[in-house]
């Protein structure tokens, strides 16, 4: 930015430019999350009071869930499960996700007041719950015997299938308290595309270029987060607001970052891969009104 004229204006211009650059440089901060003693930590959801859920692997390669609250980690394991992956936590502290039962079948779950409830789409051979809102509505995906993946919504009236028109597969990742759903689908072009479903209408979301896009989280303000992958296999976090699209890479990432959830304050959680191929969770905290 240039301020032609007096030396004072030039000095003020340089100062303003420096402050703008400094604000941009410190517009957001990143914090890495690693479950104590664990490997491959993934952070999937953050609610508006800062509770985070995700999963991690132990030394034997078994996957367990966790809740991170006030800086303290607590394990989450569905009794008898081979694998537990919490995917969502609402503002009431209710957790939802998926697990593998003793027979290796993927099933959904809800954890409320210390009790687990299994969620199965009627007639499905497997079910994955992706999110729960403050009204208790669930989204996710299921497959029947034909192997085709469909998204779903479960509300007070029951289960409803969600399929992007003309898609080969559909996954419903998150619903906010206004009933807006984001997810992704596989198109006839063989690529993955994001979508937002609002008031019964679908809108497709794609990062420009030869990429694949997945939209995975949405807050109450309608800000959407997700990721996109380029032809060379690099993955970038994605933020979608009315002002447009913004991509980011976690500073410690070796070319792969993905965002899963954003809360009302604009705080984003997700994961990234390091140079050794290990995954770590992250928290991206915005400065001022960025990314909300």
C-alpha atoms as a PDB file:
ATOM      1  CA  UNK A   1       0.000   0.000   0.000  1.00  0.00           C
ATOM      2  CA  UNK A   2       1.421   3.394  -1.009  1.00  0.00           C
ATOM      3  CA  UNK A   3       0.770   6.775   0.579  1.00  0.00           C
ATOM      4  CA  UNK A   4       2.306   9.388  -1.763  1.00  0.00           C
ATOM      5  CA  UNK A   5       3.032  12.845  -0.382  1.00  0.00           C
ATOM      6  CA  UNK A   6       4.868  14.000   2.688  1.00  0.00           C
ATOM      7  CA  UNK A   7       7.554  12.098   4.558  1.00  0.00           C
ATOM      8  CA  UNK A   8       5.114  11.766   7.452  1.00  0.00           C
ATOM      9  CA  UNK A   9       2.566  10.061   5.221  1.00  0.00           C
ATOM     10  CA  UNK A  10       5.247   7.779   3.831  1.00  0.00           C
ATOM     11  CA  UNK A  11       6.299   6.863   7.364  1.00  0.00           C
ATOM     12  CA  UNK A  12       2.691   6.242   8.346  1.00  0.00           C
ATOM     13  CA  UNK A  13       2.253   4.182   5.210  1.00  0.00           C
ATOM     14  CA  UNK A  14       5.239   1.995   6.044  1.00  0.00           C
ATOM     15  CA  UNK A  15       3.982   1.584   9.596  1.00  0.00           C
ATOM     16  CA  UNK A  16       0.526   0.624   8.377  1.00  0.00           C
ATOM     17  CA  UNK A  17       2.003  -1.852   5.914  1.00  0.00           C
ATOM     18  CA  UNK A  18       4.138  -3.387   8.663  1.00  0.00           C
ATOM     19  CA  UNK A  19       1.150  -3.672  10.981  1.00  0.00           C
ATOM     20  CA  UNK A  20      -0.916  -5.265   8.224  1.00  0.00           C
ATOM     21  CA  UNK A  21       1.847  -7.784   7.514  1.00  0.00           C
ATOM     22  CA  UNK A  22       2.230  -8.506  11.224  1.00  0.00           C
ATOM     23  CA  UNK A  23      -1.519  -9.010  11.608  1.00  0.00           C
ATOM     24  CA  UNK A  24      -1.526 -11.390   8.640  1.00  0.00           C
ATOM     25  CA  UNK A  25       1.428 -13.299  10.021  1.00  0.00           C
ATOM     26  CA  UNK A  26      -0.298 -13.715  13.387  1.00  0.00           C
ATOM     27  CA  UNK A  27      -3.819 -14.097  12.031  1.00  0.00           C
ATOM     28  CA  UNK A  28      -3.912 -17.686  13.269  1.00  0.00           C
ATOM     29  CA  UNK A  29      -1.965 -20.024  15.513  1.00  0.00           C
ATOM     30  CA  UNK A  30      -1.572 -23.792  15.296  1.00  0.00           C
ATOM     31  CA  UNK A  31      -1.368 -26.203  18.211  1.00  0.00           C
ATOM     32  CA  UNK A  32      -0.472 -29.864  17.693  1.00  0.00           C
ATOM     33  CA  UNK A  33      -2.487 -32.524  19.513  1.00  0.00           C
ATOM     34  CA  UNK A  34      -0.968 -35.911  20.384  1.00  0.00           C
ATOM     35  CA  UNK A  35      -2.663 -38.371  22.701  1.00  0.00           C
ATOM     36  CA  UNK A  36      -0.167 -39.112  25.531  1.00  0.00           C
ATOM     37  CA  UNK A  37       1.813 -42.232  24.641  1.00  0.00           C
ATOM     38  CA  UNK A  38      -0.231 -42.763  21.479  1.00  0.00           C
ATOM     39  CA  UNK A  39       0.353 -42.652  17.745  1.00  0.00           C
ATOM     40  CA  UNK A  40      -1.566 -41.200  14.800  1.00  0.00           C
ATOM     41  CA  UNK A  41      -3.800 -38.775  16.648  1.00  0.00           C
ATOM     42  CA  UNK A  42      -6.755 -37.435  14.635  1.00  0.00           C
ATOM     43  CA  UNK A  43      -8.948 -34.553  15.868  1.00  0.00           C
ATOM     44  CA  UNK A  44     -12.427 -34.648  14.344  1.00  0.00           C
ATOM     45  CA  UNK A  45     -14.725 -32.264  16.168  1.00  0.00           C
ATOM     46  CA  UNK A  46     -14.715 -29.201  18.409  1.00  0.00           C
ATOM     47  CA  UNK A  47     -17.796 -27.717  20.027  1.00  0.00           C
ATOM     48  CA  UNK A  48     -18.400 -24.082  20.927  1.00  0.00           C
ATOM     49  CA  UNK A  49     -16.953 -24.451  24.441  1.00  0.00           C
ATOM     50  CA  UNK A  50     -13.744 -26.027  23.156  1.00  0.00           C
ATOM     51  CA  UNK A  51     -14.276 -29.751  23.833  1.00  0.00           C
ATOM     52  CA  UNK A  52     -12.519 -31.902  21.207  1.00  0.00           C
ATOM     53  CA  UNK A  53     -13.016 -35.532  20.233  1.00  0.00           C
ATOM     54  CA  UNK A  54     -11.011 -37.785  17.957  1.00  0.00           C
ATOM     55  CA  UNK A  55      -9.065 -41.031  17.971  1.00  0.00           C
ATOM     56  CA  UNK A  56      -5.538 -42.392  18.397  1.00  0.00           C
ATOM     57  CA  UNK A  57      -3.631 -45.667  17.953  1.00  0.00           C
ATOM     58  CA  UNK A  58      -1.885 -47.599  20.687  1.00  0.00           C
ATOM     59  CA  UNK A  59       1.449 -49.443  20.329  1.00  0.00           C
ATOM     60  CA  UNK A  60      -0.372 -52.547  19.044  1.00  0.00           C
ATOM     61  CA  UNK A  61      -2.182 -50.598  16.346  1.00  0.00           C
ATOM     62  CA  UNK A  62      -5.562 -50.630  18.098  1.00  0.00           C
ATOM     63  CA  UNK A  63      -7.662 -47.493  17.623  1.00  0.00           C
ATOM     64  CA  UNK A  64      -9.320 -45.750  20.571  1.00  0.00           C
ATOM     65  CA  UNK A  65     -11.377 -42.599  20.933  1.00  0.00           C
ATOM     66  CA  UNK A  66     -10.641 -39.629  23.147  1.00  0.00           C
ATOM     67  CA  UNK A  67     -12.229 -36.551  24.651  1.00  0.00           C
ATOM     68  CA  UNK A  68      -9.996 -33.534  25.264  1.00  0.00           C
ATOM     69  CA  UNK A  69     -11.545 -31.168  27.806  1.00  0.00           C
ATOM     70  CA  UNK A  70      -9.749 -28.415  29.749  1.00  0.00           C
ATOM     71  CA  UNK A  71      -6.398 -29.817  28.631  1.00  0.00           C
ATOM     72  CA  UNK A  72      -7.124 -33.321  29.958  1.00  0.00           C
ATOM     73  CA  UNK A  73      -7.492 -36.399  27.734  1.00  0.00           C
ATOM     74  CA  UNK A  74     -10.063 -39.086  28.540  1.00  0.00           C
ATOM     75  CA  UNK A  75     -10.355 -42.362  26.576  1.00  0.00           C
ATOM     76  CA  UNK A  76     -13.561 -43.342  24.783  1.00  0.00           C
ATOM     77  CA  UNK A  77     -14.068 -47.006  23.913  1.00  0.00           C
ATOM     78  CA  UNK A  78     -17.322 -48.716  23.000  1.00  0.00           C
ATOM     79  CA  UNK A  79     -17.454 -51.874  25.177  1.00  0.00           C
ATOM     80  CA  UNK A  80     -16.298 -54.907  23.195  1.00  0.00           C
ATOM     81  CA  UNK A  81     -15.386 -52.851  20.116  1.00  0.00           C
ATOM     82  CA  UNK A  82     -12.356 -53.581  17.948  1.00  0.00           C
ATOM     83  CA  UNK A  83     -12.114 -49.901  16.920  1.00  0.00           C
ATOM     84  CA  UNK A  84     -13.713 -46.723  18.287  1.00  0.00           C
ATOM     85  CA  UNK A  85     -13.721 -43.394  16.424  1.00  0.00           C
ATOM     86  CA  UNK A  86     -15.690 -40.484  17.919  1.00  0.00           C
ATOM     87  CA  UNK A  87     -16.533 -38.079  15.103  1.00  0.00           C
ATOM     88  CA  UNK A  88     -18.616 -35.355  16.727  1.00  0.00           C
ATOM     89  CA  UNK A  89     -19.392 -33.644  20.021  1.00  0.00           C
ATOM     90  CA  UNK A  90     -22.253 -31.190  20.402  1.00  0.00           C
ATOM     91  CA  UNK A  91     -22.584 -28.300  22.838  1.00  0.00           C
ATOM     92  CA  UNK A  92     -24.360 -30.547  25.349  1.00  0.00           C
ATOM     93  CA  UNK A  93     -21.364 -32.870  25.497  1.00  0.00           C
ATOM     94  CA  UNK A  94     -23.050 -35.707  23.608  1.00  0.00           C
ATOM     95  CA  UNK A  95     -20.567 -37.654  21.468  1.00  0.00           C
ATOM     96  CA  UNK A  96     -21.288 -39.567  18.265  1.00  0.00           C
ATOM     97  CA  UNK A  97     -19.149 -41.649  15.947  1.00  0.00           C
ATOM     98  CA  UNK A  98     -18.529 -45.132  14.676  1.00  0.00           C
ATOM     99  CA  UNK A  99     -17.030 -48.393  15.881  1.00  0.00           C
ATOM    100  CA  UNK A 100     -16.261 -51.908  14.705  1.00  0.00           C
ATOM    101  CA  UNK A 101     -18.132 -54.561  16.631  1.00  0.00           C
ATOM    102  CA  UNK A 102     -16.645 -57.922  17.612  1.00  0.00           C
ATOM    103  CA  UNK A 103     -17.455 -59.245  14.141  1.00  0.00           C
ATOM    104  CA  UNK A 104     -15.712 -56.343  12.401  1.00  0.00           C
ATOM    105  CA  UNK A 105     -18.950 -54.668  11.267  1.00  0.00           C
ATOM    106  CA  UNK A 106     -18.947 -50.823  11.177  1.00  0.00           C
ATOM    107  CA  UNK A 107     -21.742 -49.398  13.346  1.00  0.00           C
ATOM    108  CA  UNK A 108     -22.623 -45.965  14.634  1.00  0.00           C
ATOM    109  CA  UNK A 109     -22.847 -44.920  18.251  1.00  0.00           C
ATOM    110  CA  UNK A 110     -24.028 -42.118  20.504  1.00  0.00           C
ATOM    111  CA  UNK A 111     -22.463 -41.574  23.941  1.00  0.00           C
ATOM    112  CA  UNK A 112     -24.723 -39.647  26.322  1.00  0.00           C
ATOM    113  CA  UNK A 113     -24.432 -39.417  30.107  1.00  0.00           C
ATOM    114  CA  UNK A 114     -21.907 -42.246  30.095  1.00  0.00           C
ATOM    115  CA  UNK A 115     -24.144 -44.678  28.176  1.00  0.00           C
ATOM    116  CA  UNK A 116     -23.533 -45.936  24.619  1.00  0.00           C
ATOM    117  CA  UNK A 117     -26.352 -46.429  22.111  1.00  0.00           C
ATOM    118  CA  UNK A 118     -25.735 -48.272  18.837  1.00  0.00           C
ATOM    119  CA  UNK A 119     -27.011 -46.640  15.635  1.00  0.00           C
ATOM    120  CA  UNK A 120     -27.780 -48.821  12.596  1.00  0.00           C
ATOM    121  CA  UNK A 121     -29.468 -47.598   9.427  1.00  0.00           C
ATOM    122  CA  UNK A 122     -32.417 -49.970   8.799  1.00  0.00           C
ATOM    123  CA  UNK A 123     -31.445 -52.784   6.432  1.00  0.00           C
ATOM    124  CA  UNK A 124     -27.822 -51.631   6.126  1.00  0.00           C
ATOM    125  CA  UNK A 125     -24.795 -53.910   6.326  1.00  0.00           C
ATOM    126  CA  UNK A 126     -22.755 -51.099   7.893  1.00  0.00           C
ATOM    127  CA  UNK A 127     -23.381 -47.632   9.333  1.00  0.00           C
ATOM    128  CA  UNK A 128     -21.050 -44.723  10.117  1.00  0.00           C
ATOM    129  CA  UNK A 129     -22.250 -41.768  12.176  1.00  0.00           C
ATOM    130  CA  UNK A 130     -20.424 -38.536  11.293  1.00  0.00           C
ATOM    131  CA  UNK A 131     -22.110 -35.814  13.376  1.00  0.00           C
ATOM    132  CA  UNK A 132     -24.664 -34.896  15.997  1.00  0.00           C
ATOM    133  CA  UNK A 133     -26.169 -31.431  16.509  1.00  0.00           C
ATOM    134  CA  UNK A 134     -27.653 -29.896  19.648  1.00  0.00           C
ATOM    135  CA  UNK A 135     -31.115 -31.202  18.686  1.00  0.00           C
ATOM    136  CA  UNK A 136     -29.810 -34.763  18.556  1.00  0.00           C
ATOM    137  CA  UNK A 137     -29.993 -35.064  14.779  1.00  0.00           C
ATOM    138  CA  UNK A 138     -27.418 -37.428  13.275  1.00  0.00           C
ATOM    139  CA  UNK A 139     -25.741 -37.560   9.884  1.00  0.00           C
ATOM    140  CA  UNK A 140     -23.448 -40.146   8.328  1.00  0.00           C
ATOM    141  CA  UNK A 141     -23.404 -42.845   5.685  1.00  0.00           C
ATOM    142  CA  UNK A 142     -24.487 -46.435   5.209  1.00  0.00           C
ATOM    143  CA  UNK A 143     -24.225 -49.291   2.751  1.00  0.00           C
ATOM    144  CA  UNK A 144     -26.630 -52.077   1.928  1.00  0.00           C
ATOM    145  CA  UNK A 145     -25.827 -55.411   0.290  1.00  0.00           C
ATOM    146  CA  UNK A 146     -25.127 -53.795  -3.095  1.00  0.00           C
ATOM    147  CA  UNK A 147     -22.130 -51.952  -1.590  1.00  0.00           C
ATOM    148  CA  UNK A 148     -23.277 -48.462  -2.651  1.00  0.00           C
ATOM    149  CA  UNK A 149     -22.592 -45.729  -0.082  1.00  0.00           C
ATOM    150  CA  UNK A 150     -25.426 -43.337   0.762  1.00  0.00           C
ATOM    151  CA  UNK A 151     -25.585 -40.422   3.153  1.00  0.00           C
ATOM    152  CA  UNK A 152     -28.262 -40.242   5.802  1.00  0.00           C
ATOM    153  CA  UNK A 153     -30.002 -37.953   8.261  1.00  0.00           C
ATOM    154  CA  UNK A 154     -31.708 -39.261  11.382  1.00  0.00           C
ATOM    155  CA  UNK A 155     -34.107 -36.832  13.045  1.00  0.00           C
ATOM    156  CA  UNK A 156     -37.210 -37.102  15.217  1.00  0.00           C
ATOM    157  CA  UNK A 157     -39.115 -38.630  12.292  1.00  0.00           C
ATOM    158  CA  UNK A 158     -36.553 -41.367  11.664  1.00  0.00           C
ATOM    159  CA  UNK A 159     -33.913 -42.112   9.016  1.00  0.00           C
ATOM    160  CA  UNK A 160     -33.713 -40.336   5.655  1.00  0.00           C
ATOM    161  CA  UNK A 161     -31.366 -41.158   2.775  1.00  0.00           C
ATOM    162  CA  UNK A 162     -29.245 -38.349   1.296  1.00  0.00           C
ATOM    163  CA  UNK A 163     -27.928 -38.776  -2.234  1.00  0.00           C
ATOM    164  CA  UNK A 164     -26.431 -35.967  -4.287  1.00  0.00           C
ATOM    165  CA  UNK A 165     -28.272 -36.048  -7.659  1.00  0.00           C
ATOM    166  CA  UNK A 166     -26.429 -38.227 -10.175  1.00  0.00           C
ATOM    167  CA  UNK A 167     -23.759 -39.280  -7.683  1.00  0.00           C
ATOM    168  CA  UNK A 168     -22.162 -42.696  -7.406  1.00  0.00           C
ATOM    169  CA  UNK A 169     -21.712 -42.427  -3.624  1.00  0.00           C
ATOM    170  CA  UNK A 170     -22.652 -39.807  -1.018  1.00  0.00           C
ATOM    171  CA  UNK A 171     -21.415 -39.089   2.513  1.00  0.00           C
ATOM    172  CA  UNK A 172     -23.156 -36.612   4.867  1.00  0.00           C
ATOM    173  CA  UNK A 173     -20.429 -35.283   7.148  1.00  0.00           C
ATOM    174  CA  UNK A 174     -22.016 -32.678   9.400  1.00  0.00           C
ATOM    175  CA  UNK A 175     -25.262 -30.908  10.241  1.00  0.00           C
ATOM    176  CA  UNK A 176     -25.441 -27.601  12.124  1.00  0.00           C
ATOM    177  CA  UNK A 177     -28.251 -26.474  14.412  1.00  0.00           C
ATOM    178  CA  UNK A 178     -30.007 -24.733  11.498  1.00  0.00           C
ATOM    179  CA  UNK A 179     -30.273 -28.040   9.670  1.00  0.00           C
ATOM    180  CA  UNK A 180     -27.683 -27.250   6.998  1.00  0.00           C
ATOM    181  CA  UNK A 181     -25.679 -30.335   5.978  1.00  0.00           C
ATOM    182  CA  UNK A 182     -22.279 -30.571   4.322  1.00  0.00           C
ATOM    183  CA  UNK A 183     -20.637 -33.633   2.821  1.00  0.00           C
ATOM    184  CA  UNK A 184     -19.071 -35.049  -0.288  1.00  0.00           C
ATOM    185  CA  UNK A 185     -19.951 -37.305  -3.195  1.00  0.00           C
ATOM    186  CA  UNK A 186     -18.290 -39.269  -5.972  1.00  0.00           C
ATOM    187  CA  UNK A 187     -19.329 -38.011  -9.380  1.00  0.00           C
ATOM    188  CA  UNK A 188     -19.545 -39.683 -12.769  1.00  0.00           C
ATOM    189  CA  UNK A 189     -16.225 -37.980 -13.551  1.00  0.00           C
ATOM    190  CA  UNK A 190     -14.528 -40.221 -10.998  1.00  0.00           C
ATOM    191  CA  UNK A 191     -13.708 -37.297  -8.685  1.00  0.00           C
ATOM    192  CA  UNK A 192     -14.850 -36.397  -5.183  1.00  0.00           C
ATOM    193  CA  UNK A 193     -16.782 -33.129  -4.794  1.00  0.00           C
ATOM    194  CA  UNK A 194     -18.112 -31.259  -1.788  1.00  0.00           C
ATOM    195  CA  UNK A 195     -21.695 -30.189  -1.270  1.00  0.00           C
ATOM    196  CA  UNK A 196     -23.949 -28.173   1.005  1.00  0.00           C
ATOM    197  CA  UNK A 197     -27.593 -29.157   1.454  1.00  0.00           C
ATOM    198  CA  UNK A 198     -29.855 -26.340   2.633  1.00  0.00           C
ATOM    199  CA  UNK A 199     -33.646 -26.223   2.587  1.00  0.00           C
ATOM    200  CA  UNK A 200     -33.734 -29.311   0.391  1.00  0.00           C
ATOM    201  CA  UNK A 201     -31.400 -27.857  -2.254  1.00  0.00           C
ATOM    202  CA  UNK A 202     -27.901 -29.093  -3.067  1.00  0.00           C
ATOM    203  CA  UNK A 203     -25.020 -26.838  -4.058  1.00  0.00           C
ATOM    204  CA  UNK A 204     -21.730 -28.315  -5.235  1.00  0.00           C
ATOM    205  CA  UNK A 205     -18.454 -27.030  -3.777  1.00  0.00           C
ATOM    206  CA  UNK A 206     -15.142 -27.469  -5.593  1.00  0.00           C
ATOM    207  CA  UNK A 207     -11.727 -25.967  -5.078  1.00  0.00           C
ATOM    208  CA  UNK A 208     -10.745 -24.648  -8.544  1.00  0.00           C
ATOM    209  CA  UNK A 209      -8.313 -26.762 -10.532  1.00  0.00           C
ATOM    210  CA  UNK A 210      -7.769 -30.481 -11.097  1.00  0.00           C
ATOM    211  CA  UNK A 211      -8.537 -31.385  -7.506  1.00  0.00           C
ATOM    212  CA  UNK A 212     -10.839 -33.461  -5.333  1.00  0.00           C
ATOM    213  CA  UNK A 213     -12.790 -31.609  -2.651  1.00  0.00           C
ATOM    214  CA  UNK A 214     -14.427 -32.797   0.563  1.00  0.00           C
ATOM    215  CA  UNK A 215     -16.501 -30.490   2.783  1.00  0.00           C
ATOM    216  CA  UNK A 216     -16.682 -31.885   6.306  1.00  0.00           C
ATOM    217  CA  UNK A 217     -17.689 -29.291   8.865  1.00  0.00           C
ATOM    218  CA  UNK A 218     -20.014 -26.287   9.178  1.00  0.00           C
ATOM    219  CA  UNK A 219     -20.652 -23.947  12.093  1.00  0.00           C
ATOM    220  CA  UNK A 220     -23.768 -21.981  13.006  1.00  0.00           C
ATOM    221  CA  UNK A 221     -22.604 -18.995  10.922  1.00  0.00           C
ATOM    222  CA  UNK A 222     -22.381 -21.168   7.812  1.00  0.00           C
ATOM    223  CA  UNK A 223     -18.591 -21.229   7.559  1.00  0.00           C
ATOM    224  CA  UNK A 224     -17.533 -24.521   5.991  1.00  0.00           C
ATOM    225  CA  UNK A 225     -14.258 -26.412   6.390  1.00  0.00           C
ATOM    226  CA  UNK A 226     -12.805 -29.453   4.689  1.00  0.00           C
ATOM    227  CA  UNK A 227      -9.915 -30.347   2.459  1.00  0.00           C
ATOM    228  CA  UNK A 228      -8.875 -30.745  -1.126  1.00  0.00           C
ATOM    229  CA  UNK A 229      -6.288 -32.967  -2.741  1.00  0.00           C
ATOM    230  CA  UNK A 230      -4.214 -32.069  -5.802  1.00  0.00           C
ATOM    231  CA  UNK A 231      -3.016 -34.342  -8.589  1.00  0.00           C
ATOM    232  CA  UNK A 232       0.329 -34.912  -6.879  1.00  0.00           C
ATOM    233  CA  UNK A 233      -1.362 -36.212  -3.721  1.00  0.00           C
ATOM    234  CA  UNK A 234      -0.874 -33.086  -1.612  1.00  0.00           C
ATOM    235  CA  UNK A 235      -3.727 -32.258   0.732  1.00  0.00           C
ATOM    236  CA  UNK A 236      -4.737 -28.813   1.992  1.00  0.00           C
ATOM    237  CA  UNK A 237      -7.190 -27.572   4.568  1.00  0.00           C
ATOM    238  CA  UNK A 238     -10.083 -25.603   3.099  1.00  0.00           C
ATOM    239  CA  UNK A 239     -12.234 -22.788   4.508  1.00  0.00           C
ATOM    240  CA  UNK A 240     -15.338 -21.605   2.626  1.00  0.00           C
ATOM    241  CA  UNK A 241     -17.090 -18.360   3.570  1.00  0.00           C
ATOM    242  CA  UNK A 242     -19.313 -15.914   1.646  1.00  0.00           C
ATOM    243  CA  UNK A 243     -16.075 -14.066   0.846  1.00  0.00           C
ATOM    244  CA  UNK A 244     -14.684 -17.064  -0.996  1.00  0.00           C
ATOM    245  CA  UNK A 245     -12.321 -19.982  -0.447  1.00  0.00           C
ATOM    246  CA  UNK A 246      -9.125 -20.053   1.558  1.00  0.00           C
ATOM    247  CA  UNK A 247      -6.643 -22.918   1.741  1.00  0.00           C
ATOM    248  CA  UNK A 248      -4.044 -23.594   4.403  1.00  0.00           C
ATOM    249  CA  UNK A 249      -1.290 -26.007   5.321  1.00  0.00           C
ATOM    250  CA  UNK A 250      -0.321 -26.736   8.928  1.00  0.00           C
ATOM    251  CA  UNK A 251       3.264 -25.448   9.337  1.00  0.00           C
ATOM    252  CA  UNK A 252       4.642 -28.827  10.494  1.00  0.00           C
ATOM    253  CA  UNK A 253       2.824 -30.792   7.789  1.00  0.00           C
ATOM    254  CA  UNK A 254       4.706 -32.632   5.062  1.00  0.00           C
ATOM    255  CA  UNK A 255       2.279 -31.629   2.325  1.00  0.00           C
ATOM    256  CA  UNK A 256      -0.941 -33.004   3.812  1.00  0.00           C
ATOM    257  CA  UNK A 257      -3.481 -31.263   6.077  1.00  0.00           C
ATOM    258  CA  UNK A 258      -7.236 -31.747   6.427  1.00  0.00           C
ATOM    259  CA  UNK A 259      -9.864 -29.848   8.413  1.00  0.00           C
ATOM    260  CA  UNK A 260     -12.886 -31.556   9.954  1.00  0.00           C
ATOM    261  CA  UNK A 261     -14.688 -29.119  12.231  1.00  0.00           C
ATOM    262  CA  UNK A 262     -15.079 -25.406  12.986  1.00  0.00           C
ATOM    263  CA  UNK A 263     -16.878 -23.937  15.986  1.00  0.00           C
ATOM    264  CA  UNK A 264     -18.718 -20.645  16.411  1.00  0.00           C
ATOM    265  CA  UNK A 265     -15.480 -18.851  17.377  1.00  0.00           C
ATOM    266  CA  UNK A 266     -13.791 -19.954  14.166  1.00  0.00           C
ATOM    267  CA  UNK A 267     -11.509 -22.487  15.848  1.00  0.00           C
ATOM    268  CA  UNK A 268     -10.741 -25.378  13.479  1.00  0.00           C
ATOM    269  CA  UNK A 269      -9.576 -28.901  14.263  1.00  0.00           C
ATOM    270  CA  UNK A 270      -8.218 -31.560  11.951  1.00  0.00           C
ATOM    271  CA  UNK A 271      -5.092 -33.563  11.323  1.00  0.00           C
ATOM    272  CA  UNK A 272      -1.863 -33.478   9.349  1.00  0.00           C
ATOM    273  CA  UNK A 273       0.869 -35.889   8.305  1.00  0.00           C
ATOM    274  CA  UNK A 274       4.509 -35.313   9.210  1.00  0.00           C
ATOM    275  CA  UNK A 275       7.620 -36.263   7.212  1.00  0.00           C
ATOM    276  CA  UNK A 276       7.559 -39.773   8.732  1.00  0.00           C
ATOM    277  CA  UNK A 277       3.957 -40.361   7.695  1.00  0.00           C
ATOM    278  CA  UNK A 278       2.612 -40.088  11.239  1.00  0.00           C
ATOM    279  CA  UNK A 279      -0.641 -38.220  11.817  1.00  0.00           C
ATOM    280  CA  UNK A 280      -1.144 -35.531  14.437  1.00  0.00           C
ATOM    281  CA  UNK A 281      -4.218 -33.579  15.408  1.00  0.00           C
ATOM    282  CA  UNK A 282      -4.187 -29.799  15.256  1.00  0.00           C
ATOM    283  CA  UNK A 283      -6.114 -26.802  16.536  1.00  0.00           C
ATOM    284  CA  UNK A 284      -6.131 -23.688  14.340  1.00  0.00           C
ATOM    285  CA  UNK A 285      -7.091 -20.604  16.337  1.00  0.00           C
ATOM    286  CA  UNK A 286      -7.972 -17.472  14.321  1.00  0.00           C
ATOM    287  CA  UNK A 287      -7.051 -13.902  15.101  1.00  0.00           C
ATOM    288  CA  UNK A 288      -9.741 -11.231  15.172  1.00  0.00           C
ATOM    289  CA  UNK A 289     -12.625 -12.185  12.866  1.00  0.00           C
ATOM    290  CA  UNK A 290     -10.669 -14.350  10.436  1.00  0.00           C
ATOM    291  CA  UNK A 291     -12.248 -17.565   9.130  1.00  0.00           C
ATOM    292  CA  UNK A 292     -15.502 -17.347  11.073  1.00  0.00           C
END
